[in-house]
Amino acid sequence: MSPDERGYRKACVIALAEATGLSERTIGNWGTNFEKRPNYVAHILRMADKLNQIKKIVLPPDFPQE
């Protein structure tokens, strides 16, 4: 989905809620471009990205996904 498509922000809010464990309502209050987000959120997302990268390298391709 591209940023210009309808529903893009909503999809981002849902993905952020899933990654952080925070409510969609809380994330929705972070501003149009999430500029009001707490600093710790960027750290959580970086850690999640690193874990996903490690999983791609270490786990076999046929490993069951969550």
N, C-alpha and C. Protein backbone atom coordinates (compact mmCIF):
# COMPACT_ATOMS: atom_id res chain seq x y z
N MET A 1 0.85 -1.17 0.00
CA MET A 1 0.00 0.00 0.00
C MET A 1 0.90 1.24 0.00
N SER A 2 0.60 2.16 -0.86
CA SER A 2 1.40 3.38 -0.93
C SER A 2 0.81 4.45 -0.01
N PRO A 3 1.62 5.41 0.42
CA PRO A 3 1.14 6.46 1.31
C PRO A 3 0.00 7.29 0.74
N ASP A 4 -0.15 7.29 -0.56
CA ASP A 4 -1.21 8.08 -1.19
C ASP A 4 -2.56 7.37 -1.20
N GLU A 5 -2.56 6.08 -0.93
CA GLU A 5 -3.80 5.31 -1.00
C GLU A 5 -4.69 5.57 0.22
N ARG A 6 -5.97 5.50 -0.05
CA ARG A 6 -6.96 5.65 1.03
C ARG A 6 -6.78 4.50 2.02
N GLY A 7 -6.79 4.83 3.30
CA GLY A 7 -6.66 3.81 4.33
C GLY A 7 -5.23 3.55 4.78
N TYR A 8 -4.27 4.26 4.18
CA TYR A 8 -2.86 4.03 4.51
C TYR A 8 -2.57 4.36 5.98
N ARG A 9 -3.03 5.49 6.45
CA ARG A 9 -2.77 5.88 7.84
C ARG A 9 -3.40 4.88 8.80
N LYS A 10 -4.60 4.45 8.50
CA LYS A 10 -5.29 3.46 9.35
C LYS A 10 -4.48 2.16 9.40
N ALA A 11 -3.95 1.75 8.27
CA ALA A 11 -3.12 0.54 8.23
C ALA A 11 -1.86 0.73 9.07
N CYS A 12 -1.29 1.93 9.04
CA CYS A 12 -0.11 2.23 9.85
C CYS A 12 -0.46 2.17 11.33
N VAL A 13 -1.60 2.73 11.70
CA VAL A 13 -2.02 2.73 13.10
C VAL A 13 -2.20 1.29 13.58
N ILE A 14 -2.82 0.46 12.77
CA ILE A 14 -3.03 -0.94 13.13
C ILE A 14 -1.69 -1.66 13.29
N ALA A 15 -0.77 -1.44 12.36
CA ALA A 15 0.54 -2.08 12.43
C ALA A 15 1.32 -1.61 13.66
N LEU A 16 1.26 -0.31 13.96
CA LEU A 16 1.94 0.21 15.15
C LEU A 16 1.33 -0.37 16.43
N ALA A 17 0.03 -0.50 16.46
CA ALA A 17 -0.64 -1.07 17.63
C ALA A 17 -0.20 -2.52 17.84
N GLU A 18 -0.11 -3.26 16.76
CA GLU A 18 0.32 -4.65 16.84
C GLU A 18 1.77 -4.76 17.31
N ALA A 19 2.64 -3.89 16.80
CA ALA A 19 4.06 -3.95 17.13
C ALA A 19 4.37 -3.46 18.54
N THR A 20 3.58 -2.49 19.03
CA THR A 20 3.89 -1.89 20.32
C THR A 20 3.03 -2.40 21.47
N GLY A 21 1.88 -2.96 21.15
CA GLY A 21 0.95 -3.38 22.19
C GLY A 21 0.10 -2.25 22.72
N LEU A 22 0.22 -1.09 22.11
CA LEU A 22 -0.58 0.07 22.51
C LEU A 22 -1.91 0.06 21.77
N SER A 23 -2.87 0.81 22.26
CA SER A 23 -4.19 0.85 21.60
C SER A 23 -4.13 1.73 20.35
N GLU A 24 -5.00 1.42 19.41
CA GLU A 24 -5.11 2.23 18.20
C GLU A 24 -5.52 3.66 18.54
N ARG A 25 -6.32 3.81 19.55
CA ARG A 25 -6.77 5.15 19.95
C ARG A 25 -5.58 5.98 20.44
N THR A 26 -4.72 5.38 21.23
CA THR A 26 -3.53 6.08 21.72
C THR A 26 -2.66 6.51 20.55
N ILE A 27 -2.42 5.60 19.63
CA ILE A 27 -1.57 5.89 18.48
C ILE A 27 -2.21 6.95 17.59
N GLY A 28 -3.51 6.93 17.47
CA GLY A 28 -4.22 7.92 16.67
C GLY A 28 -4.04 9.34 17.19
N ASN A 29 -3.68 9.48 18.45
CA ASN A 29 -3.47 10.81 19.06
C ASN A 29 -2.05 11.33 18.88
N TRP A 30 -1.23 10.65 18.13
CA TRP A 30 0.16 11.04 17.94
C TRP A 30 0.36 12.05 16.81
N GLY A 31 -0.68 12.52 16.20
CA GLY A 31 -0.56 13.50 15.12
C GLY A 31 -0.64 12.83 13.76
N THR A 32 -0.78 13.66 12.75
CA THR A 32 -0.97 13.18 11.38
C THR A 32 0.18 12.29 10.91
N ASN A 33 1.39 12.69 11.20
CA ASN A 33 2.58 11.92 10.80
C ASN A 33 3.27 11.28 12.00
N PHE A 34 2.50 11.05 13.06
CA PHE A 34 3.00 10.42 14.29
C PHE A 34 4.14 11.22 14.93
N GLU A 35 4.14 12.52 14.70
CA GLU A 35 5.22 13.37 15.22
C GLU A 35 5.16 13.53 16.75
N LYS A 36 4.03 13.23 17.36
CA LYS A 36 3.90 13.37 18.82
C LYS A 36 4.12 12.04 19.55
N ARG A 37 4.65 11.05 18.86
CA ARG A 37 4.84 9.74 19.48
C ARG A 37 5.93 9.83 20.55
N PRO A 38 5.84 8.99 21.57
CA PRO A 38 6.90 8.94 22.58
C PRO A 38 8.19 8.40 21.96
N ASN A 39 9.32 8.83 22.48
CA ASN A 39 10.61 8.39 21.93
C ASN A 39 10.83 6.89 22.04
N TYR A 40 10.27 6.26 23.07
CA TYR A 40 10.49 4.83 23.25
C TYR A 40 9.90 3.99 22.12
N VAL A 41 8.92 4.53 21.40
CA VAL A 41 8.30 3.78 20.31
C VAL A 41 9.31 3.48 19.21
N ALA A 42 10.14 4.45 18.88
CA ALA A 42 11.16 4.23 17.85
C ALA A 42 12.11 3.11 18.28
N HIS A 43 12.43 3.04 19.56
CA HIS A 43 13.31 1.97 20.06
C HIS A 43 12.63 0.61 19.94
N ILE A 44 11.35 0.54 20.29
CA ILE A 44 10.61 -0.71 20.17
C ILE A 44 10.60 -1.18 18.72
N LEU A 45 10.34 -0.26 17.80
CA LEU A 45 10.27 -0.62 16.38
C LEU A 45 11.63 -1.06 15.84
N ARG A 46 12.70 -0.41 16.30
CA ARG A 46 14.05 -0.82 15.88
C ARG A 46 14.35 -2.24 16.36
N MET A 47 14.01 -2.52 17.61
CA MET A 47 14.24 -3.87 18.16
C MET A 47 13.43 -4.92 17.40
N ALA A 48 12.18 -4.61 17.11
CA ALA A 48 11.34 -5.54 16.37
C ALA A 48 11.90 -5.79 14.98
N ASP A 49 12.39 -4.74 14.33
CA ASP A 49 12.99 -4.89 13.00
C ASP A 49 14.23 -5.77 13.06
N LYS A 50 15.08 -5.55 14.07
CA LYS A 50 16.28 -6.36 14.20
C LYS A 50 15.94 -7.82 14.45
N LEU A 51 14.94 -8.08 15.28
CA LEU A 51 14.52 -9.46 15.52
C LEU A 51 14.00 -10.11 14.24
N ASN A 52 13.24 -9.37 13.47
CA ASN A 52 12.73 -9.90 12.20
C ASN A 52 13.87 -10.21 11.24
N GLN A 53 14.88 -9.35 11.20
CA GLN A 53 16.04 -9.60 10.34
C GLN A 53 16.79 -10.85 10.78
N ILE A 54 16.96 -11.02 12.08
CA ILE A 54 17.64 -12.20 12.62
C ILE A 54 16.84 -13.46 12.28
N LYS A 55 15.52 -13.40 12.44
CA LYS A 55 14.68 -14.55 12.12
C LYS A 55 14.84 -14.96 10.67
N LYS A 56 14.94 -14.00 9.76
CA LYS A 56 15.11 -14.31 8.34
C LYS A 56 16.42 -15.04 8.08
N ILE A 57 17.46 -14.67 8.82
CA ILE A 57 18.78 -15.27 8.62
C ILE A 57 18.87 -16.65 9.28
N VAL A 58 18.34 -16.77 10.48
CA VAL A 58 18.55 -17.96 11.30
C VAL A 58 17.53 -19.07 11.03
N LEU A 59 16.27 -18.71 10.90
CA LEU A 59 15.22 -19.73 10.79
C LEU A 59 15.11 -20.24 9.35
N PRO A 60 14.81 -21.52 9.20
CA PRO A 60 14.61 -22.06 7.85
C PRO A 60 13.37 -21.46 7.20
N PRO A 61 13.35 -21.43 5.87
CA PRO A 61 12.22 -20.80 5.16
C PRO A 61 10.87 -21.46 5.46
N ASP A 62 10.87 -22.73 5.81
CA ASP A 62 9.60 -23.42 6.06
C ASP A 62 9.18 -23.39 7.53
N PHE A 63 9.87 -22.58 8.34
CA PHE A 63 9.53 -22.46 9.76
C PHE A 63 8.16 -21.81 9.89
N PRO A 64 7.28 -22.37 10.73
CA PRO A 64 5.92 -21.81 10.86
C PRO A 64 5.95 -20.35 11.34
N GLN A 65 5.12 -19.54 10.71
CA GLN A 65 5.00 -18.13 11.08
C GLN A 65 4.02 -18.01 12.23
N GLU A 66 4.14 -16.95 12.99
CA GLU A 66 3.24 -16.70 14.12
C GLU A 66 1.88 -16.27 13.66
